[in-house]
């Protein structure tokens, strides 16, 4: 009976670790997405300014 409890506790710890890892990965992806969108907006702004300076 003690062996079953030990295995159950180990699965609980493993599941908790997997959930925390998934949350951390989701937060990292969201941060990278935000940085990517910000960089894309800056690049588009620089492009538009360059085109305006060439044409104007």
C-alpha atoms as a PDB file:
ATOM      1  CA  UNK A   1       0.000   0.000   0.000  1.00  0.00           C
ATOM      2  CA  UNK A   2       2.874   2.371   0.820  1.00  0.00           C
ATOM      3  CA  UNK A   3       4.380   1.739  -2.615  1.00  0.00           C
ATOM      4  CA  UNK A   4       1.164   2.812  -4.348  1.00  0.00           C
ATOM      5  CA  UNK A   5       1.056   6.021  -2.330  1.00  0.00           C
ATOM      6  CA  UNK A   6       4.665   6.752  -3.267  1.00  0.00           C
ATOM      7  CA  UNK A   7       3.975   6.219  -6.972  1.00  0.00           C
ATOM      8  CA  UNK A   8       0.834   8.343  -6.782  1.00  0.00           C
ATOM      9  CA  UNK A   9       2.772  11.167  -5.099  1.00  0.00           C
ATOM     10  CA  UNK A  10       5.501  10.953  -7.748  1.00  0.00           C
ATOM     11  CA  UNK A  11       2.903  11.240 -10.515  1.00  0.00           C
ATOM     12  CA  UNK A  12       1.393  14.240  -8.732  1.00  0.00           C
ATOM     13  CA  UNK A  13       4.805  15.927  -8.542  1.00  0.00           C
ATOM     14  CA  UNK A  14       5.474  15.109 -12.199  1.00  0.00           C
ATOM     15  CA  UNK A  15       2.083  16.480 -13.274  1.00  0.00           C
ATOM     16  CA  UNK A  16       2.649  19.654 -11.247  1.00  0.00           C
ATOM     17  CA  UNK A  17       6.059  20.131 -12.835  1.00  0.00           C
ATOM     18  CA  UNK A  18       4.585  19.604 -16.312  1.00  0.00           C
ATOM     19  CA  UNK A  19       1.848  22.174 -15.660  1.00  0.00           C
ATOM     20  CA  UNK A  20       4.359  24.736 -14.378  1.00  0.00           C
ATOM     21  CA  UNK A  21       6.575  24.082 -17.399  1.00  0.00           C
ATOM     22  CA  UNK A  22       3.629  24.562 -19.774  1.00  0.00           C
ATOM     23  CA  UNK A  23       2.676  27.845 -18.080  1.00  0.00           C
ATOM     24  CA  UNK A  24       6.267  29.097 -18.290  1.00  0.00           C
ATOM     25  CA  UNK A  25       6.429  28.180 -21.983  1.00  0.00           C
ATOM     26  CA  UNK A  26       3.149  29.987 -22.655  1.00  0.00           C
ATOM     27  CA  UNK A  27       4.406  33.113 -20.874  1.00  0.00           C
ATOM     28  CA  UNK A  28       7.666  32.978 -22.825  1.00  0.00           C
ATOM     29  CA  UNK A  29       5.813  32.642 -26.127  1.00  0.00           C
ATOM     30  CA  UNK A  30       3.530  35.552 -25.246  1.00  0.00           C
ATOM     31  CA  UNK A  31       6.533  37.724 -24.388  1.00  0.00           C
ATOM     32  CA  UNK A  32       8.280  36.793 -27.639  1.00  0.00           C
ATOM     33  CA  UNK A  33       5.084  37.535 -29.577  1.00  0.00           C
ATOM     34  CA  UNK A  34       4.839  40.979 -27.962  1.00  0.00           C
ATOM     35  CA  UNK A  35       8.478  41.740 -28.767  1.00  0.00           C
ATOM     36  CA  UNK A  36       7.952  40.543 -32.338  1.00  0.00           C
ATOM     37  CA  UNK A  37       4.887  42.740 -32.871  1.00  0.00           C
ATOM     38  CA  UNK A  38       6.680  45.753 -31.400  1.00  0.00           C
ATOM     39  CA  UNK A  39       9.690  45.204 -33.651  1.00  0.00           C
ATOM     40  CA  UNK A  40       7.464  44.762 -36.675  1.00  0.00           C
ATOM     41  CA  UNK A  41       5.706  48.063 -35.926  1.00  0.00           C
ATOM     42  CA  UNK A  42       9.057  49.856 -35.612  1.00  0.00           C
ATOM     43  CA  UNK A  43      10.279  48.394 -38.910  1.00  0.00           C
ATOM     44  CA  UNK A  44       7.098  49.464 -40.690  1.00  0.00           C
ATOM     45  CA  UNK A  45       7.453  52.950 -39.206  1.00  0.00           C
ATOM     46  CA  UNK A  46      11.078  53.211 -40.373  1.00  0.00           C
ATOM     47  CA  UNK A  47      10.080  51.956 -43.819  1.00  0.00           C
ATOM     48  CA  UNK A  48       7.312  54.528 -44.142  1.00  0.00           C
ATOM     49  CA  UNK A  49       9.618  57.345 -43.022  1.00  0.00           C
ATOM     50  CA  UNK A  50      12.251  56.236 -45.540  1.00  0.00           C
ATOM     51  CA  UNK A  51       9.717  56.126 -48.371  1.00  0.00           C
ATOM     52  CA  UNK A  52       8.405  59.560 -47.387  1.00  0.00           C
ATOM     53  CA  UNK A  53      11.907  61.025 -47.359  1.00  0.00           C
ATOM     54  CA  UNK A  54      12.681  59.554 -50.787  1.00  0.00           C
ATOM     55  CA  UNK A  55       9.425  60.740 -52.339  1.00  0.00           C
ATOM     56  CA  UNK A  56       9.183  64.059 -50.501  1.00  0.00           C
END
